Amino acid sequence: MGIFRWNYPESSVPGVWGETTSTIDWCEENYVVSPYIAEWSNTLTNSVFILSAIYTTYSAYKNKLEKRFLLIGFGYGLVGVGSWLFHMTLKYRFQLLDELPMIYAMCIPTWSLVCEAKEALLNGDNHKKVPLFEQMFIGVIIGLAVTTASILYVIYKNVDIHQILFGVQIVVVAATAGSLTYRYVHDPLAKRNLKASMALGAILFLSGYISWLLDIHYCSFWVHVRRSILALPLGVLLEPHGWWHILTGMGIYFYIVSLEHLRVITLNVSCNYQFIWRWKVFPELIWKGRKPSTRYSLELFGPYVEDQSIEVKKEK
């Protein structure tokens, strides 16, 4: 068809990873771009997960946030690496490395928010941390529940077990974070920023979920459009499962930043931090005293702050 546009192969192309052993094979046709990558788009789009996780972890460390946010970033990155390997090889062992880290990574924000909710209930607006023993006990209970579900999933290979558990974790995190924001965040600007970041995270995640469903239920349509109209390489842009990776990777970042902000508020240390929107759209929680390296606003789509330095407020 031309130097920069060519047809999809008429029949399946063998790849270096051999026979597919995963229980799921997505709509993207295998090895049509490279013999080394089974699903090209579904593999490379995991870069969004990995890069976002690296930046989330770096930001949490540099801005002196609690270690729980370093763990969230690490777990978030492990999901991206596992998904990369799974879509690259379509091997069952890497499918587990994709799916199981999703529910284990979600254990960290679930545990964090359950502890925060208990702190709020016990201490009102003057929050104190739950004792370490109780934090560990809550973590063990959540860990045992997830481990039990993981064992059942591996034994029965029923994807519904994984999807239901993951869905329950998302609902717990979203509902708890929303409730804490509504009941305990009183500053109007902080509340607007939390709501905006949470809402954008939820919208991106739901958009990704819709893409995931479209990939499953309308596969024949996508294959027809890619083969008959777009051809390669444009066809790799119309892979809904790849868009699931991009949208959910971005959505999780937005939600993590909102959880960081909520946490410093509930600990009564928000005076040491500033919630900013880089280029008016990308949120980040900054340690006051750091000079942002980019232009930023203090609200979503708000005016740029002219003074690029952030001073630490002294508590009375």
C-alpha atoms as a PDB file:
ATOM      1  CA  MET A   1       0.000   0.000   0.000  1.00  0.00           C
ATOM      2  CA  GLY A   2       2.959   2.301   0.414  1.00  0.00           C
ATOM      3  CA  ILE A   3       6.092   2.979   2.421  1.00  0.00           C
ATOM      4  CA  PHE A   4       4.229   4.441   5.398  1.00  0.00           C
ATOM      5  CA  ARG A   5       1.080   2.305   5.241  1.00  0.00           C
ATOM      6  CA  TRP A   6       0.766  -1.458   4.896  1.00  0.00           C
ATOM      7  CA  ASN A   7      -1.849  -4.178   5.284  1.00  0.00           C
ATOM      8  CA  TYR A   8      -2.323  -6.481   8.234  1.00  0.00           C
ATOM      9  CA  PRO A   9      -1.070 -10.051   7.653  1.00  0.00           C
ATOM     10  CA  GLU A  10      -3.741 -12.336   6.158  1.00  0.00           C
ATOM     11  CA  SER A  11      -3.040 -15.137   8.645  1.00  0.00           C
ATOM     12  CA  SER A  12      -1.643 -15.319  12.167  1.00  0.00           C
ATOM     13  CA  VAL A  13       2.060 -14.603  12.477  1.00  0.00           C
ATOM     14  CA  PRO A  14       4.290 -16.730  14.743  1.00  0.00           C
ATOM     15  CA  GLY A  15       6.084 -14.948  17.565  1.00  0.00           C
ATOM     16  CA  VAL A  16       9.228 -15.675  19.531  1.00  0.00           C
ATOM     17  CA  TRP A  17       7.221 -16.407  22.722  1.00  0.00           C
ATOM     18  CA  GLY A  18       5.546 -19.454  21.206  1.00  0.00           C
ATOM     19  CA  GLU A  19       2.069 -20.739  21.974  1.00  0.00           C
ATOM     20  CA  THR A  20      -0.358 -18.535  23.908  1.00  0.00           C
ATOM     21  CA  THR A  21      -1.005 -19.984  27.378  1.00  0.00           C
ATOM     22  CA  SER A  22      -2.971 -17.108  28.961  1.00  0.00           C
ATOM     23  CA  THR A  23      -6.682 -17.612  29.629  1.00  0.00           C
ATOM     24  CA  ILE A  24      -7.400 -14.227  27.983  1.00  0.00           C
ATOM     25  CA  ASP A  25      -6.388 -13.029  24.516  1.00  0.00           C
ATOM     26  CA  TRP A  26      -7.537  -9.491  23.835  1.00  0.00           C
ATOM     27  CA  CYS A  27      -8.937  -8.061  20.599  1.00  0.00           C
ATOM     28  CA  GLU A  28      -5.567  -6.825  19.349  1.00  0.00           C
ATOM     29  CA  GLU A  29      -4.209  -9.217  16.736  1.00  0.00           C
ATOM     30  CA  ASN A  30      -1.019 -10.942  17.783  1.00  0.00           C
ATOM     31  CA  TYR A  31       2.493 -10.270  16.434  1.00  0.00           C
ATOM     32  CA  VAL A  32       1.311  -8.028  13.565  1.00  0.00           C
ATOM     33  CA  VAL A  33       3.962  -5.373  14.259  1.00  0.00           C
ATOM     34  CA  SER A  34       6.874  -7.289  15.789  1.00  0.00           C
ATOM     35  CA  PRO A  35       7.635 -10.980  16.427  1.00  0.00           C
ATOM     36  CA  TYR A  36       8.939  -9.937  19.852  1.00  0.00           C
ATOM     37  CA  ILE A  37       5.683  -8.307  21.080  1.00  0.00           C
ATOM     38  CA  ALA A  38       2.404 -10.223  20.913  1.00  0.00           C
ATOM     39  CA  GLU A  39       0.125  -7.207  21.423  1.00  0.00           C
ATOM     40  CA  TRP A  40       1.972  -4.061  20.395  1.00  0.00           C
ATOM     41  CA  SER A  41      -0.472  -1.358  21.540  1.00  0.00           C
ATOM     42  CA  ASN A  42      -1.543  -3.174  24.694  1.00  0.00           C
ATOM     43  CA  THR A  43       2.110  -3.580  25.654  1.00  0.00           C
ATOM     44  CA  LEU A  44       3.483  -0.102  24.983  1.00  0.00           C
ATOM     45  CA  THR A  45       0.536   1.745  26.526  1.00  0.00           C
ATOM     46  CA  ASN A  46       1.627   0.357  29.883  1.00  0.00           C
ATOM     47  CA  SER A  47       4.364   2.984  29.693  1.00  0.00           C
ATOM     48  CA  VAL A  48       1.745   5.402  31.077  1.00  0.00           C
ATOM     49  CA  PHE A  49       1.376   3.235  34.192  1.00  0.00           C
ATOM     50  CA  ILE A  50       5.109   2.825  34.671  1.00  0.00           C
ATOM     51  CA  LEU A  51       6.090   6.462  34.102  1.00  0.00           C
ATOM     52  CA  SER A  52       3.223   7.760  36.249  1.00  0.00           C
ATOM     53  CA  ALA A  53       4.210   5.359  39.031  1.00  0.00           C
ATOM     54  CA  ILE A  54       7.834   6.512  38.886  1.00  0.00           C
ATOM     55  CA  TYR A  55       6.781  10.145  39.095  1.00  0.00           C
ATOM     56  CA  THR A  56       4.245   9.444  41.869  1.00  0.00           C
ATOM     57  CA  THR A  57       6.919   7.712  43.963  1.00  0.00           C
ATOM     58  CA  TYR A  58       9.496  10.423  43.248  1.00  0.00           C
ATOM     59  CA  SER A  59       7.035  13.179  44.145  1.00  0.00           C
ATOM     60  CA  ALA A  60       5.983  11.455  47.386  1.00  0.00           C
ATOM     61  CA  TYR A  61       9.626  11.076  48.429  1.00  0.00           C
ATOM     62  CA  LYS A  62      10.705  14.588  47.464  1.00  0.00           C
ATOM     63  CA  ASN A  63       7.681  16.170  49.129  1.00  0.00           C
ATOM     64  CA  LYS A  64       8.220  14.284  52.409  1.00  0.00           C
ATOM     65  CA  LEU A  65       4.985  12.308  52.348  1.00  0.00           C
ATOM     66  CA  GLU A  66       4.411   9.154  54.381  1.00  0.00           C
ATOM     67  CA  LYS A  67       5.972   5.874  53.286  1.00  0.00           C
ATOM     68  CA  ARG A  68       2.535   4.498  52.451  1.00  0.00           C
ATOM     69  CA  PHE A  69       2.545   6.702  49.346  1.00  0.00           C
ATOM     70  CA  LEU A  70       5.912   5.305  48.287  1.00  0.00           C
ATOM     71  CA  LEU A  71       4.358   1.828  48.571  1.00  0.00           C
ATOM     72  CA  ILE A  72       1.325   2.926  46.544  1.00  0.00           C
ATOM     73  CA  GLY A  73       3.625   4.207  43.807  1.00  0.00           C
ATOM     74  CA  PHE A  74       5.663   0.990  43.848  1.00  0.00           C
ATOM     75  CA  GLY A  75       2.539  -1.185  43.645  1.00  0.00           C
ATOM     76  CA  TYR A  76       1.170   0.993  40.865  1.00  0.00           C
ATOM     77  CA  GLY A  77       4.412   0.491  38.899  1.00  0.00           C
ATOM     78  CA  LEU A  78       4.377  -3.280  39.476  1.00  0.00           C
ATOM     79  CA  VAL A  79       0.952  -3.441  37.817  1.00  0.00           C
ATOM     80  CA  GLY A  80       2.379  -1.681  34.755  1.00  0.00           C
ATOM     81  CA  VAL A  81       5.405  -3.996  34.538  1.00  0.00           C
ATOM     82  CA  GLY A  82       3.260  -7.112  34.968  1.00  0.00           C
ATOM     83  CA  SER A  83       0.787  -5.940  32.332  1.00  0.00           C
ATOM     84  CA  TRP A  84       3.662  -5.105  29.958  1.00  0.00           C
ATOM     85  CA  LEU A  85       5.057  -8.645  30.256  1.00  0.00           C
ATOM     86  CA  PHE A  86       1.621 -10.234  29.914  1.00  0.00           C
ATOM     87  CA  HIS A  87       0.641  -8.407  26.733  1.00  0.00           C
ATOM     88  CA  MET A  88       4.126  -8.856  25.282  1.00  0.00           C
ATOM     89  CA  THR A  89       4.137 -12.661  25.741  1.00  0.00           C
ATOM     90  CA  LEU A  90       0.524 -13.811  26.387  1.00  0.00           C
ATOM     91  CA  LYS A  91       1.882 -16.330  28.878  1.00  0.00           C
ATOM     92  CA  TYR A  92      -0.264 -17.397  31.847  1.00  0.00           C
ATOM     93  CA  ARG A  93       2.488 -16.782  34.413  1.00  0.00           C
ATOM     94  CA  PHE A  94       2.692 -13.156  33.292  1.00  0.00           C
ATOM     95  CA  GLN A  95      -1.103 -12.906  33.194  1.00  0.00           C
ATOM     96  CA  LEU A  96      -1.001 -13.551  36.938  1.00  0.00           C
ATOM     97  CA  LEU A  97       1.737 -10.928  37.286  1.00  0.00           C
ATOM     98  CA  ASP A  98      -0.643  -8.496  35.582  1.00  0.00           C
ATOM     99  CA  GLU A  99      -3.852  -9.353  37.442  1.00  0.00           C
ATOM    100  CA  LEU A 100      -2.776 -10.199  40.982  1.00  0.00           C
ATOM    101  CA  PRO A 101      -0.704  -7.018  41.559  1.00  0.00           C
ATOM    102  CA  MET A 102      -3.832  -5.008  40.702  1.00  0.00           C
ATOM    103  CA  ILE A 103      -5.668  -6.254  43.786  1.00  0.00           C
ATOM    104  CA  TYR A 104      -2.551  -6.264  45.987  1.00  0.00           C
ATOM    105  CA  ALA A 105      -1.645  -2.703  44.965  1.00  0.00           C
ATOM    106  CA  MET A 106      -5.205  -1.631  45.782  1.00  0.00           C
ATOM    107  CA  CYS A 107      -4.751  -3.080  49.288  1.00  0.00           C
ATOM    108  CA  ILE A 108      -2.469  -0.165  50.208  1.00  0.00           C
ATOM    109  CA  PRO A 109      -4.911   2.723  49.607  1.00  0.00           C
ATOM    110  CA  THR A 110      -7.722   0.534  50.992  1.00  0.00           C
ATOM    111  CA  TRP A 111      -5.743  -0.035  54.210  1.00  0.00           C
ATOM    112  CA  SER A 112      -4.713   3.630  54.381  1.00  0.00           C
ATOM    113  CA  LEU A 113      -8.263   4.935  54.038  1.00  0.00           C
ATOM    114  CA  VAL A 114      -9.753   2.405  56.466  1.00  0.00           C
ATOM    115  CA  CYS A 115      -7.187   3.566  59.041  1.00  0.00           C
ATOM    116  CA  GLU A 116      -7.985   7.208  58.242  1.00  0.00           C
ATOM    117  CA  ALA A 117     -11.706   6.569  58.659  1.00  0.00           C
ATOM    118  CA  LYS A 118     -11.085   4.987  62.047  1.00  0.00           C
ATOM    119  CA  GLU A 119      -8.901   7.937  63.075  1.00  0.00           C
ATOM    120  CA  ALA A 120     -11.646  10.352  62.040  1.00  0.00           C
ATOM    121  CA  LEU A 121     -14.345   8.468  63.930  1.00  0.00           C
ATOM    122  CA  LEU A 122     -12.281   8.249  67.109  1.00  0.00           C
ATOM    123  CA  ASN A 123     -10.772  11.730  67.171  1.00  0.00           C
ATOM    124  CA  GLY A 124     -13.153  14.006  65.265  1.00  0.00           C
ATOM    125  CA  ASP A 125     -11.308  16.907  63.646  1.00  0.00           C
ATOM    126  CA  ASN A 126      -8.215  16.475  65.858  1.00  0.00           C
ATOM    127  CA  HIS A 127      -6.983  13.369  64.122  1.00  0.00           C
ATOM    128  CA  LYS A 128      -4.291  11.186  65.576  1.00  0.00           C
ATOM    129  CA  LYS A 129      -2.793   8.144  63.934  1.00  0.00           C
ATOM    130  CA  VAL A 130      -4.243   4.738  64.722  1.00  0.00           C
ATOM    131  CA  PRO A 131      -1.708   2.825  66.889  1.00  0.00           C
ATOM    132  CA  LEU A 132       0.777   0.782  64.879  1.00  0.00           C
ATOM    133  CA  PHE A 133      -0.578  -2.535  66.184  1.00  0.00           C
ATOM    134  CA  GLU A 134      -4.091  -1.664  65.017  1.00  0.00           C
ATOM    135  CA  GLN A 135      -2.773  -0.504  61.633  1.00  0.00           C
ATOM    136  CA  MET A 136      -0.977  -3.844  61.268  1.00  0.00           C
ATOM    137  CA  PHE A 137      -4.104  -5.762  62.308  1.00  0.00           C
ATOM    138  CA  ILE A 138      -6.225  -3.950  59.695  1.00  0.00           C
ATOM    139  CA  GLY A 139      -3.528  -4.646  57.092  1.00  0.00           C
ATOM    140  CA  VAL A 140      -3.423  -8.345  57.980  1.00  0.00           C
ATOM    141  CA  ILE A 141      -7.210  -8.691  57.651  1.00  0.00           C
ATOM    142  CA  ILE A 142      -7.202  -7.012  54.233  1.00  0.00           C
ATOM    143  CA  GLY A 143      -4.168  -9.063  53.165  1.00  0.00           C
ATOM    144  CA  LEU A 144      -5.779 -12.356  54.218  1.00  0.00           C
ATOM    145  CA  ALA A 145      -8.982 -11.533  52.339  1.00  0.00           C
ATOM    146  CA  VAL A 146      -7.078 -10.714  49.152  1.00  0.00           C
ATOM    147  CA  THR A 147      -4.767 -13.735  49.477  1.00  0.00           C
ATOM    148  CA  THR A 148      -7.750 -16.058  49.900  1.00  0.00           C
ATOM    149  CA  ALA A 149      -9.401 -14.595  46.806  1.00  0.00           C
ATOM    150  CA  SER A 150      -6.110 -14.911  44.883  1.00  0.00           C
ATOM    151  CA  ILE A 151      -5.794 -18.606  45.760  1.00  0.00           C
ATOM    152  CA  LEU A 152      -9.372 -19.261  44.672  1.00  0.00           C
ATOM    153  CA  TYR A 153      -8.716 -17.380  41.424  1.00  0.00           C
ATOM    154  CA  VAL A 154      -5.581 -19.401  40.641  1.00  0.00           C
ATOM    155  CA  ILE A 155      -7.339 -22.689  41.457  1.00  0.00           C
ATOM    156  CA  TYR A 156     -10.557 -22.085  39.529  1.00  0.00           C
ATOM    157  CA  LYS A 157      -9.206 -19.609  36.927  1.00  0.00           C
ATOM    158  CA  ASN A 158     -12.487 -17.698  37.171  1.00  0.00           C
ATOM    159  CA  VAL A 159     -11.840 -14.101  36.130  1.00  0.00           C
ATOM    160  CA  ASP A 160     -15.039 -12.989  37.911  1.00  0.00           C
ATOM    161  CA  ILE A 161     -13.322 -13.540  41.280  1.00  0.00           C
ATOM    162  CA  HIS A 162     -10.562 -11.096  40.363  1.00  0.00           C
ATOM    163  CA  GLN A 163     -12.876  -8.513  38.806  1.00  0.00           C
ATOM    164  CA  ILE A 164     -15.387  -8.537  41.678  1.00  0.00           C
ATOM    165  CA  LEU A 165     -12.666  -8.128  44.321  1.00  0.00           C
ATOM    166  CA  PHE A 166     -11.013  -5.323  42.371  1.00  0.00           C
ATOM    167  CA  GLY A 167     -14.370  -3.603  41.969  1.00  0.00           C
ATOM    168  CA  VAL A 168     -15.101  -3.880  45.705  1.00  0.00           C
ATOM    169  CA  GLN A 169     -11.724  -2.321  46.512  1.00  0.00           C
ATOM    170  CA  ILE A 170     -12.372   0.597  44.150  1.00  0.00           C
ATOM    171  CA  VAL A 171     -15.794   1.216  45.704  1.00  0.00           C
ATOM    172  CA  VAL A 172     -14.338   1.130  49.246  1.00  0.00           C
ATOM    173  CA  VAL A 173     -11.554   3.579  48.344  1.00  0.00           C
ATOM    174  CA  ALA A 174     -13.825   5.986  46.442  1.00  0.00           C
ATOM    175  CA  ALA A 175     -16.642   5.917  49.018  1.00  0.00           C
ATOM    176  CA  THR A 176     -14.321   6.321  52.017  1.00  0.00           C
ATOM    177  CA  ALA A 177     -12.321   9.140  50.426  1.00  0.00           C
ATOM    178  CA  GLY A 178     -15.487  10.948  49.399  1.00  0.00           C
ATOM    179  CA  SER A 179     -17.006  10.592  52.864  1.00  0.00           C
ATOM    180  CA  LEU A 180     -13.860  11.883  54.600  1.00  0.00           C
ATOM    181  CA  THR A 181     -13.695  14.845  52.229  1.00  0.00           C
ATOM    182  CA  TYR A 182     -17.334  15.728  52.789  1.00  0.00           C
ATOM    183  CA  ARG A 183     -17.195  15.450  56.584  1.00  0.00           C
ATOM    184  CA  TYR A 184     -13.745  16.692  57.525  1.00  0.00           C
ATOM    185  CA  VAL A 185     -12.403  19.053  54.840  1.00  0.00           C
ATOM    186  CA  HIS A 186     -13.645  22.554  55.656  1.00  0.00           C
ATOM    187  CA  ASP A 187     -11.371  24.864  53.655  1.00  0.00           C
ATOM    188  CA  PRO A 188     -13.267  25.831  50.447  1.00  0.00           C
ATOM    189  CA  LEU A 189     -10.187  25.794  48.208  1.00  0.00           C
ATOM    190  CA  ALA A 190      -9.002  22.431  49.549  1.00  0.00           C
ATOM    191  CA  LYS A 191     -12.472  20.957  49.086  1.00  0.00           C
ATOM    192  CA  ARG A 192     -12.710  22.237  45.488  1.00  0.00           C
ATOM    193  CA  ASN A 193      -9.297  20.825  44.636  1.00  0.00           C
ATOM    194  CA  LEU A 194     -10.065  17.467  46.213  1.00  0.00           C
ATOM    195  CA  LYS A 195     -13.388  17.201  44.426  1.00  0.00           C
ATOM    196  CA  ALA A 196     -11.846  18.229  41.095  1.00  0.00           C
ATOM    197  CA  SER A 197      -8.970  15.765  41.353  1.00  0.00           C
ATOM    198  CA  MET A 198     -11.232  12.915  42.500  1.00  0.00           C
ATOM    199  CA  ALA A 199     -13.809  13.676  39.804  1.00  0.00           C
ATOM    200  CA  LEU A 200     -11.207  13.786  37.032  1.00  0.00           C
ATOM    201  CA  GLY A 201      -9.666  10.547  38.289  1.00  0.00           C
ATOM    202  CA  ALA A 202     -13.090   8.876  38.327  1.00  0.00           C
ATOM    203  CA  ILE A 203     -13.996  10.194  34.848  1.00  0.00           C
ATOM    204  CA  LEU A 204     -10.711   8.958  33.371  1.00  0.00           C
ATOM    205  CA  PHE A 205     -11.075   5.580  35.059  1.00  0.00           C
ATOM    206  CA  LEU A 206     -14.683   5.138  33.921  1.00  0.00           C
ATOM    207  CA  SER A 207     -13.711   6.173  30.377  1.00  0.00           C
ATOM    208  CA  GLY A 208     -11.016   3.513  30.475  1.00  0.00           C
ATOM    209  CA  TYR A 209     -13.517   0.946  31.728  1.00  0.00           C
ATOM    210  CA  ILE A 210     -15.841   1.787  28.821  1.00  0.00           C
ATOM    211  CA  SER A 211     -12.904   1.258  26.433  1.00  0.00           C
ATOM    212  CA  TRP A 212     -12.229  -2.104  28.107  1.00  0.00           C
ATOM    213  CA  LEU A 213     -15.866  -3.151  27.559  1.00  0.00           C
ATOM    214  CA  LEU A 214     -15.844  -1.956  23.950  1.00  0.00           C
ATOM    215  CA  ASP A 215     -12.730  -4.038  23.285  1.00  0.00           C
ATOM    216  CA  ILE A 216     -14.475  -7.150  24.587  1.00  0.00           C
ATOM    217  CA  HIS A 217     -17.948  -6.770  23.078  1.00  0.00           C
ATOM    218  CA  TYR A 218     -17.231  -5.157  19.697  1.00  0.00           C
ATOM    219  CA  CYS A 219     -13.989  -6.845  18.708  1.00  0.00           C
ATOM    220  CA  SER A 220     -15.113  -7.816  15.211  1.00  0.00           C
ATOM    221  CA  PHE A 221     -15.986  -4.177  14.455  1.00  0.00           C
ATOM    222  CA  TRP A 222     -12.555  -2.900  15.558  1.00  0.00           C
ATOM    223  CA  VAL A 223     -10.802  -5.606  13.537  1.00  0.00           C
ATOM    224  CA  HIS A 224     -12.837  -4.663  10.445  1.00  0.00           C
ATOM    225  CA  VAL A 225     -12.047  -0.929  10.779  1.00  0.00           C
ATOM    226  CA  ARG A 226      -8.355  -1.574  11.414  1.00  0.00           C
ATOM    227  CA  ARG A 227      -7.965  -3.980   8.511  1.00  0.00           C
ATOM    228  CA  SER A 228     -10.261  -2.354   5.939  1.00  0.00           C
ATOM    229  CA  ILE A 229      -9.806   1.362   6.630  1.00  0.00           C
ATOM    230  CA  LEU A 230      -6.815   2.246   8.782  1.00  0.00           C
ATOM    231  CA  ALA A 231      -4.266  -0.497   8.017  1.00  0.00           C
ATOM    232  CA  LEU A 232      -0.863  -0.376   9.748  1.00  0.00           C
ATOM    233  CA  PRO A 233       0.565   1.575  11.495  1.00  0.00           C
ATOM    234  CA  LEU A 234      -2.578   3.685  12.158  1.00  0.00           C
ATOM    235  CA  GLY A 235      -4.486   0.609  13.255  1.00  0.00           C
ATOM    236  CA  VAL A 236      -2.474   0.398  16.467  1.00  0.00           C
ATOM    237  CA  LEU A 237      -4.162   3.645  17.580  1.00  0.00           C
ATOM    238  CA  LEU A 238      -7.595   1.987  17.510  1.00  0.00           C
ATOM    239  CA  GLU A 239      -7.021  -0.596  20.239  1.00  0.00           C
ATOM    240  CA  PRO A 240      -9.592   0.060  23.018  1.00  0.00           C
ATOM    241  CA  HIS A 241      -7.728  -2.070  25.556  1.00  0.00           C
ATOM    242  CA  GLY A 242      -4.662   0.079  25.033  1.00  0.00           C
ATOM    243  CA  TRP A 243      -6.789   3.150  25.772  1.00  0.00           C
ATOM    244  CA  TRP A 244      -7.908   1.406  28.964  1.00  0.00           C
ATOM    245  CA  HIS A 245      -4.253   1.400  30.047  1.00  0.00           C
ATOM    246  CA  ILE A 246      -3.739   5.067  29.170  1.00  0.00           C
ATOM    247  CA  LEU A 247      -6.946   6.365  30.744  1.00  0.00           C
ATOM    248  CA  THR A 248      -6.798   4.302  33.927  1.00  0.00           C
ATOM    249  CA  GLY A 249      -3.084   5.034  34.336  1.00  0.00           C
ATOM    250  CA  MET A 250      -3.832   8.770  34.266  1.00  0.00           C
ATOM    251  CA  GLY A 251      -6.964   8.391  36.397  1.00  0.00           C
ATOM    252  CA  ILE A 252      -5.113   6.536  39.146  1.00  0.00           C
ATOM    253  CA  TYR A 253      -2.494   9.306  39.255  1.00  0.00           C
ATOM    254  CA  PHE A 254      -5.180  11.968  39.772  1.00  0.00           C
ATOM    255  CA  TYR A 255      -6.754   9.915  42.536  1.00  0.00           C
ATOM    256  CA  ILE A 256      -3.459   9.237  44.312  1.00  0.00           C
ATOM    257  CA  VAL A 257      -2.739  12.972  44.469  1.00  0.00           C
ATOM    258  CA  SER A 258      -6.170  13.570  45.989  1.00  0.00           C
ATOM    259  CA  LEU A 259      -5.505  10.846  48.587  1.00  0.00           C
ATOM    260  CA  GLU A 260      -2.199  12.511  49.463  1.00  0.00           C
ATOM    261  CA  HIS A 261      -3.938  15.855  49.944  1.00  0.00           C
ATOM    262  CA  LEU A 262      -6.718  14.294  52.009  1.00  0.00           C
ATOM    263  CA  ARG A 263      -4.151  12.568  54.208  1.00  0.00           C
ATOM    264  CA  VAL A 264      -2.191  15.704  55.109  1.00  0.00           C
ATOM    265  CA  ILE A 265      -5.465  17.466  55.902  1.00  0.00           C
ATOM    266  CA  THR A 266      -6.657  14.713  58.237  1.00  0.00           C
ATOM    267  CA  LEU A 267      -3.252  14.731  59.962  1.00  0.00           C
ATOM    268  CA  ASN A 268      -3.463  18.527  60.437  1.00  0.00           C
ATOM    269  CA  VAL A 269      -0.179  19.096  58.591  1.00  0.00           C
ATOM    270  CA  SER A 270      -1.643  20.682  55.460  1.00  0.00           C
ATOM    271  CA  CYS A 271      -0.010  24.007  56.421  1.00  0.00           C
ATOM    272  CA  ASN A 272       3.275  22.472  55.213  1.00  0.00           C
ATOM    273  CA  TYR A 273       1.931  21.652  51.749  1.00  0.00           C
ATOM    274  CA  GLN A 274       0.444  23.346  48.703  1.00  0.00           C
ATOM    275  CA  PHE A 275      -1.867  21.653  46.213  1.00  0.00           C
ATOM    276  CA  ILE A 276      -0.978  22.870  42.732  1.00  0.00           C
ATOM    277  CA  TRP A 277      -2.121  22.192  39.177  1.00  0.00           C
ATOM    278  CA  ARG A 278       0.845  22.076  36.794  1.00  0.00           C
ATOM    279  CA  TRP A 279      -0.095  23.783  33.527  1.00  0.00           C
ATOM    280  CA  LYS A 280      -3.558  24.207  35.134  1.00  0.00           C
ATOM    281  CA  VAL A 281      -4.485  20.521  34.643  1.00  0.00           C
ATOM    282  CA  PHE A 282      -2.016  18.117  36.337  1.00  0.00           C
ATOM    283  CA  PRO A 283      -2.336  18.036  40.148  1.00  0.00           C
ATOM    284  CA  GLU A 284       0.512  17.580  42.593  1.00  0.00           C
ATOM    285  CA  LEU A 285       0.991  18.057  46.321  1.00  0.00           C
ATOM    286  CA  ILE A 286       4.103  20.198  46.884  1.00  0.00           C
ATOM    287  CA  TRP A 287       6.125  20.675  50.061  1.00  0.00           C
ATOM    288  CA  LYS A 288       6.077  24.374  50.802  1.00  0.00           C
ATOM    289  CA  GLY A 289       9.583  25.693  50.295  1.00  0.00           C
ATOM    290  CA  ARG A 290       9.983  23.856  46.985  1.00  0.00           C
ATOM    291  CA  LYS A 291      10.039  25.973  43.873  1.00  0.00           C
ATOM    292  CA  PRO A 292       7.861  24.362  41.171  1.00  0.00           C
ATOM    293  CA  SER A 293       9.784  23.781  37.963  1.00  0.00           C
ATOM    294  CA  THR A 294       6.752  24.523  35.776  1.00  0.00           C
ATOM    295  CA  ARG A 295       3.970  27.057  35.601  1.00  0.00           C
ATOM    296  CA  TYR A 296       1.051  26.219  37.885  1.00  0.00           C
ATOM    297  CA  SER A 297      -2.289  27.388  39.180  1.00  0.00           C
ATOM    298  CA  LEU A 298      -3.921  26.839  42.562  1.00  0.00           C
ATOM    299  CA  GLU A 299      -7.185  25.594  41.058  1.00  0.00           C
ATOM    300  CA  LEU A 300      -8.122  23.498  38.049  1.00  0.00           C
ATOM    301  CA  PHE A 301      -7.966  25.826  35.010  1.00  0.00           C
ATOM    302  CA  GLY A 302      -7.303  28.728  37.383  1.00  0.00           C
ATOM    303  CA  PRO A 303      -4.952  31.654  36.633  1.00  0.00           C
ATOM    304  CA  TYR A 304      -1.233  31.015  36.722  1.00  0.00           C
ATOM    305  CA  VAL A 305       0.574  31.992  39.908  1.00  0.00           C
ATOM    306  CA  GLU A 306       3.107  34.666  39.025  1.00  0.00           C
ATOM    307  CA  ASP A 307       5.411  34.129  42.006  1.00  0.00           C
ATOM    308  CA  GLN A 308       6.893  30.686  41.379  1.00  0.00           C
ATOM    309  CA  SER A 309       8.138  30.175  44.934  1.00  0.00           C
ATOM    310  CA  ILE A 310       6.070  28.621  47.720  1.00  0.00           C
ATOM    311  CA  GLU A 311       6.770  29.738  51.250  1.00  0.00           C
ATOM    312  CA  VAL A 312       6.279  27.588  54.327  1.00  0.00           C
ATOM    313  CA  LYS A 313       3.634  28.970  56.633  1.00  0.00           C
ATOM    314  CA  LYS A 314       4.658  29.127  60.271  1.00  0.00           C
ATOM    315  CA  GLU A 315       2.110  27.650  62.626  1.00  0.00           C
ATOM    316  CA  LYS A 316       1.087  29.781  65.551  1.00  0.00           C
END
